[in-house]
């Protein structure tokens, strides 16, 4: 069996739900739904979808780096927003990280996220190059 590595999530929900921030098996890395939490686990920038998307993407980037990858390895993202009228603000943040990478991407509106202060949640899938 291929070795499995993971990055732990730094929030109160992870031990309850039983999940990791990211899991690497072989060349594939799967990053769980990631929100705008700071190092202390608190929600960053309540009310600001763009700032929350930027923080969520920084959190994804940090998890990828821990597993030997970068944003250039991302092949798929899924963005969940609580207000679709904020798609452009979230999209600008996504473009700031992935303008040249251009992963397959989806954005959908959801009724709510686990914390009412959270406006955006983003998932990412990455694949390391064969020589890595």
C-alpha atoms as a PDB file:
ATOM      1  CA  UNK A   1       0.000   0.000   0.000  1.00  0.00           C
ATOM      2  CA  UNK A   2       1.158   3.524  -0.776  1.00  0.00           C
ATOM      3  CA  UNK A   3       2.224   5.584   2.234  1.00  0.00           C
ATOM      4  CA  UNK A   4      -0.344   8.051   3.503  1.00  0.00           C
ATOM      5  CA  UNK A   5       0.633  11.468   4.852  1.00  0.00           C
ATOM      6  CA  UNK A   6      -1.626  14.119   6.305  1.00  0.00           C
ATOM      7  CA  UNK A   7      -1.759  17.664   7.577  1.00  0.00           C
ATOM      8  CA  UNK A   8      -3.962  18.171  10.604  1.00  0.00           C
ATOM      9  CA  UNK A   9      -6.638  20.876  10.629  1.00  0.00           C
ATOM     10  CA  UNK A  10      -6.309  23.597  13.273  1.00  0.00           C
ATOM     11  CA  UNK A  11      -9.923  23.977  14.287  1.00  0.00           C
ATOM     12  CA  UNK A  12     -12.348  22.650  16.881  1.00  0.00           C
ATOM     13  CA  UNK A  13     -14.353  20.710  14.268  1.00  0.00           C
ATOM     14  CA  UNK A  14     -11.593  18.356  13.073  1.00  0.00           C
ATOM     15  CA  UNK A  15     -11.429  16.045  16.097  1.00  0.00           C
ATOM     16  CA  UNK A  16     -15.224  15.887  16.308  1.00  0.00           C
ATOM     17  CA  UNK A  17     -15.705  15.088  12.627  1.00  0.00           C
ATOM     18  CA  UNK A  18     -12.484  13.075  12.320  1.00  0.00           C
ATOM     19  CA  UNK A  19     -10.780  14.687   9.345  1.00  0.00           C
ATOM     20  CA  UNK A  20      -7.438  16.129   8.291  1.00  0.00           C
ATOM     21  CA  UNK A  21      -6.791  19.382   6.419  1.00  0.00           C
ATOM     22  CA  UNK A  22      -5.046  17.461   3.635  1.00  0.00           C
ATOM     23  CA  UNK A  23      -4.165  13.886   2.769  1.00  0.00           C
ATOM     24  CA  UNK A  24      -1.447  12.734   0.374  1.00  0.00           C
ATOM     25  CA  UNK A  25      -1.447   9.251  -1.135  1.00  0.00           C
ATOM     26  CA  UNK A  26       1.097   8.641  -3.873  1.00  0.00           C
ATOM     27  CA  UNK A  27       1.199  11.719  -6.121  1.00  0.00           C
ATOM     28  CA  UNK A  28      -2.349  12.835  -5.237  1.00  0.00           C
ATOM     29  CA  UNK A  29      -3.157  15.389  -2.547  1.00  0.00           C
ATOM     30  CA  UNK A  30      -6.716  16.111  -1.433  1.00  0.00           C
ATOM     31  CA  UNK A  31      -7.339  19.252   0.603  1.00  0.00           C
ATOM     32  CA  UNK A  32     -10.546  19.252   2.623  1.00  0.00           C
ATOM     33  CA  UNK A  33     -12.992  22.122   2.613  1.00  0.00           C
ATOM     34  CA  UNK A  34     -10.930  25.003   3.953  1.00  0.00           C
ATOM     35  CA  UNK A  35     -12.253  28.202   5.451  1.00  0.00           C
ATOM     36  CA  UNK A  36     -10.833  31.541   6.528  1.00  0.00           C
ATOM     37  CA  UNK A  37      -9.385  30.574   9.876  1.00  0.00           C
ATOM     38  CA  UNK A  38      -6.258  32.111  11.336  1.00  0.00           C
ATOM     39  CA  UNK A  39      -3.521  30.327  13.284  1.00  0.00           C
ATOM     40  CA  UNK A  40      -5.672  30.462  16.419  1.00  0.00           C
ATOM     41  CA  UNK A  41      -8.583  28.771  14.625  1.00  0.00           C
ATOM     42  CA  UNK A  42     -10.766  31.898  14.719  1.00  0.00           C
ATOM     43  CA  UNK A  43     -12.628  33.087  11.609  1.00  0.00           C
ATOM     44  CA  UNK A  44     -10.778  35.871   9.785  1.00  0.00           C
ATOM     45  CA  UNK A  45     -12.543  38.859   8.177  1.00  0.00           C
ATOM     46  CA  UNK A  46     -16.209  38.281   9.054  1.00  0.00           C
ATOM     47  CA  UNK A  47     -18.419  39.837   6.378  1.00  0.00           C
ATOM     48  CA  UNK A  48     -15.691  40.060   3.707  1.00  0.00           C
ATOM     49  CA  UNK A  49     -15.944  37.253   1.130  1.00  0.00           C
ATOM     50  CA  UNK A  50     -12.796  38.299  -0.768  1.00  0.00           C
ATOM     51  CA  UNK A  51     -10.627  38.422   2.361  1.00  0.00           C
ATOM     52  CA  UNK A  52     -12.050  35.104   3.529  1.00  0.00           C
ATOM     53  CA  UNK A  53     -11.333  33.468   0.176  1.00  0.00           C
ATOM     54  CA  UNK A  54      -7.756  34.810   0.269  1.00  0.00           C
ATOM     55  CA  UNK A  55      -7.255  33.379   3.774  1.00  0.00           C
ATOM     56  CA  UNK A  56      -8.769  30.023   2.810  1.00  0.00           C
ATOM     57  CA  UNK A  57      -6.429  29.853  -0.187  1.00  0.00           C
ATOM     58  CA  UNK A  58      -3.422  30.746   1.987  1.00  0.00           C
ATOM     59  CA  UNK A  59      -4.453  27.908   4.312  1.00  0.00           C
ATOM     60  CA  UNK A  60      -4.670  25.529   1.345  1.00  0.00           C
ATOM     61  CA  UNK A  61      -1.261  26.697   0.133  1.00  0.00           C
ATOM     62  CA  UNK A  62       0.277  26.049   3.564  1.00  0.00           C
ATOM     63  CA  UNK A  63      -1.162  22.525   3.678  1.00  0.00           C
ATOM     64  CA  UNK A  64       0.156  21.768   0.190  1.00  0.00           C
ATOM     65  CA  UNK A  65       3.618  23.027   1.154  1.00  0.00           C
ATOM     66  CA  UNK A  66       3.652  20.718   4.182  1.00  0.00           C
ATOM     67  CA  UNK A  67       3.129  17.814   1.773  1.00  0.00           C
ATOM     68  CA  UNK A  68       5.789  18.901  -0.737  1.00  0.00           C
ATOM     69  CA  UNK A  69       3.460  20.566  -3.236  1.00  0.00           C
ATOM     70  CA  UNK A  70       2.498  24.064  -4.315  1.00  0.00           C
ATOM     71  CA  UNK A  71      -0.494  25.775  -5.862  1.00  0.00           C
ATOM     72  CA  UNK A  72       0.881  24.959  -9.322  1.00  0.00           C
ATOM     73  CA  UNK A  73       0.061  21.301  -8.628  1.00  0.00           C
ATOM     74  CA  UNK A  74      -3.644  22.012  -8.101  1.00  0.00           C
ATOM     75  CA  UNK A  75      -5.843  20.465 -10.781  1.00  0.00           C
ATOM     76  CA  UNK A  76      -9.317  21.004  -9.263  1.00  0.00           C
ATOM     77  CA  UNK A  77     -10.981  23.423  -6.864  1.00  0.00           C
ATOM     78  CA  UNK A  78     -14.488  23.650  -5.465  1.00  0.00           C
ATOM     79  CA  UNK A  79     -15.698  26.921  -3.953  1.00  0.00           C
ATOM     80  CA  UNK A  80     -18.734  27.011  -1.705  1.00  0.00           C
ATOM     81  CA  UNK A  81     -20.227  30.445  -0.985  1.00  0.00           C
ATOM     82  CA  UNK A  82     -23.161  31.420   1.201  1.00  0.00           C
ATOM     83  CA  UNK A  83     -24.105  34.287  -1.136  1.00  0.00           C
ATOM     84  CA  UNK A  84     -23.661  33.835  -4.888  1.00  0.00           C
ATOM     85  CA  UNK A  85     -23.732  37.603  -5.390  1.00  0.00           C
ATOM     86  CA  UNK A  86     -20.204  37.474  -3.940  1.00  0.00           C
ATOM     87  CA  UNK A  87     -18.936  35.153  -6.717  1.00  0.00           C
ATOM     88  CA  UNK A  88     -16.770  37.879  -8.258  1.00  0.00           C
ATOM     89  CA  UNK A  89     -15.010  38.732  -4.981  1.00  0.00           C
ATOM     90  CA  UNK A  90     -14.299  35.037  -4.392  1.00  0.00           C
ATOM     91  CA  UNK A  91     -13.335  34.565  -8.047  1.00  0.00           C
ATOM     92  CA  UNK A  92     -10.799  37.414  -7.863  1.00  0.00           C
ATOM     93  CA  UNK A  93      -9.136  35.736  -4.895  1.00  0.00           C
ATOM     94  CA  UNK A  94      -9.088  32.408  -6.763  1.00  0.00           C
ATOM     95  CA  UNK A  95      -7.591  34.148  -9.800  1.00  0.00           C
ATOM     96  CA  UNK A  96      -4.877  35.743  -7.666  1.00  0.00           C
ATOM     97  CA  UNK A  97      -3.632  32.268  -6.749  1.00  0.00           C
ATOM     98  CA  UNK A  98      -4.508  30.350  -9.908  1.00  0.00           C
ATOM     99  CA  UNK A  99      -4.456  32.853 -12.798  1.00  0.00           C
ATOM    100  CA  UNK A 100      -1.674  30.942 -14.564  1.00  0.00           C
ATOM    101  CA  UNK A 101      -2.462  27.463 -13.197  1.00  0.00           C
ATOM    102  CA  UNK A 102      -6.127  27.438 -14.233  1.00  0.00           C
ATOM    103  CA  UNK A 103      -7.404  24.328 -12.462  1.00  0.00           C
ATOM    104  CA  UNK A 104     -10.842  22.969 -13.208  1.00  0.00           C
ATOM    105  CA  UNK A 105     -13.069  24.934 -10.837  1.00  0.00           C
ATOM    106  CA  UNK A 106     -16.610  24.972  -9.553  1.00  0.00           C
ATOM    107  CA  UNK A 107     -18.437  27.566  -7.476  1.00  0.00           C
ATOM    108  CA  UNK A 108     -21.763  26.776  -5.839  1.00  0.00           C
ATOM    109  CA  UNK A 109     -24.005  28.519  -3.366  1.00  0.00           C
ATOM    110  CA  UNK A 110     -24.808  26.729  -0.125  1.00  0.00           C
ATOM    111  CA  UNK A 111     -27.343  27.601   2.521  1.00  0.00           C
ATOM    112  CA  UNK A 112     -24.705  28.001   5.220  1.00  0.00           C
ATOM    113  CA  UNK A 113     -21.366  26.776   6.507  1.00  0.00           C
ATOM    114  CA  UNK A 114     -20.541  25.279   9.903  1.00  0.00           C
ATOM    115  CA  UNK A 115     -19.930  28.721  11.487  1.00  0.00           C
ATOM    116  CA  UNK A 116     -22.264  31.607  10.577  1.00  0.00           C
ATOM    117  CA  UNK A 117     -19.249  33.960  10.262  1.00  0.00           C
ATOM    118  CA  UNK A 118     -17.868  31.812   7.423  1.00  0.00           C
ATOM    119  CA  UNK A 119     -18.827  32.964   3.929  1.00  0.00           C
ATOM    120  CA  UNK A 120     -16.515  30.786   1.801  1.00  0.00           C
ATOM    121  CA  UNK A 121     -15.157  27.242   1.900  1.00  0.00           C
ATOM    122  CA  UNK A 122     -12.720  25.922  -0.719  1.00  0.00           C
ATOM    123  CA  UNK A 123     -11.526  22.388  -1.536  1.00  0.00           C
ATOM    124  CA  UNK A 124      -8.532  21.556  -3.716  1.00  0.00           C
ATOM    125  CA  UNK A 125      -7.084  18.480  -5.376  1.00  0.00           C
ATOM    126  CA  UNK A 126      -3.456  18.437  -6.476  1.00  0.00           C
ATOM    127  CA  UNK A 127      -1.244  16.001  -8.360  1.00  0.00           C
ATOM    128  CA  UNK A 128       2.526  16.031  -8.094  1.00  0.00           C
ATOM    129  CA  UNK A 129       4.528  15.695 -11.291  1.00  0.00           C
ATOM    130  CA  UNK A 130       5.859  12.180 -11.969  1.00  0.00           C
ATOM    131  CA  UNK A 131       9.457  13.198 -11.267  1.00  0.00           C
ATOM    132  CA  UNK A 132       8.557  14.659  -7.859  1.00  0.00           C
END
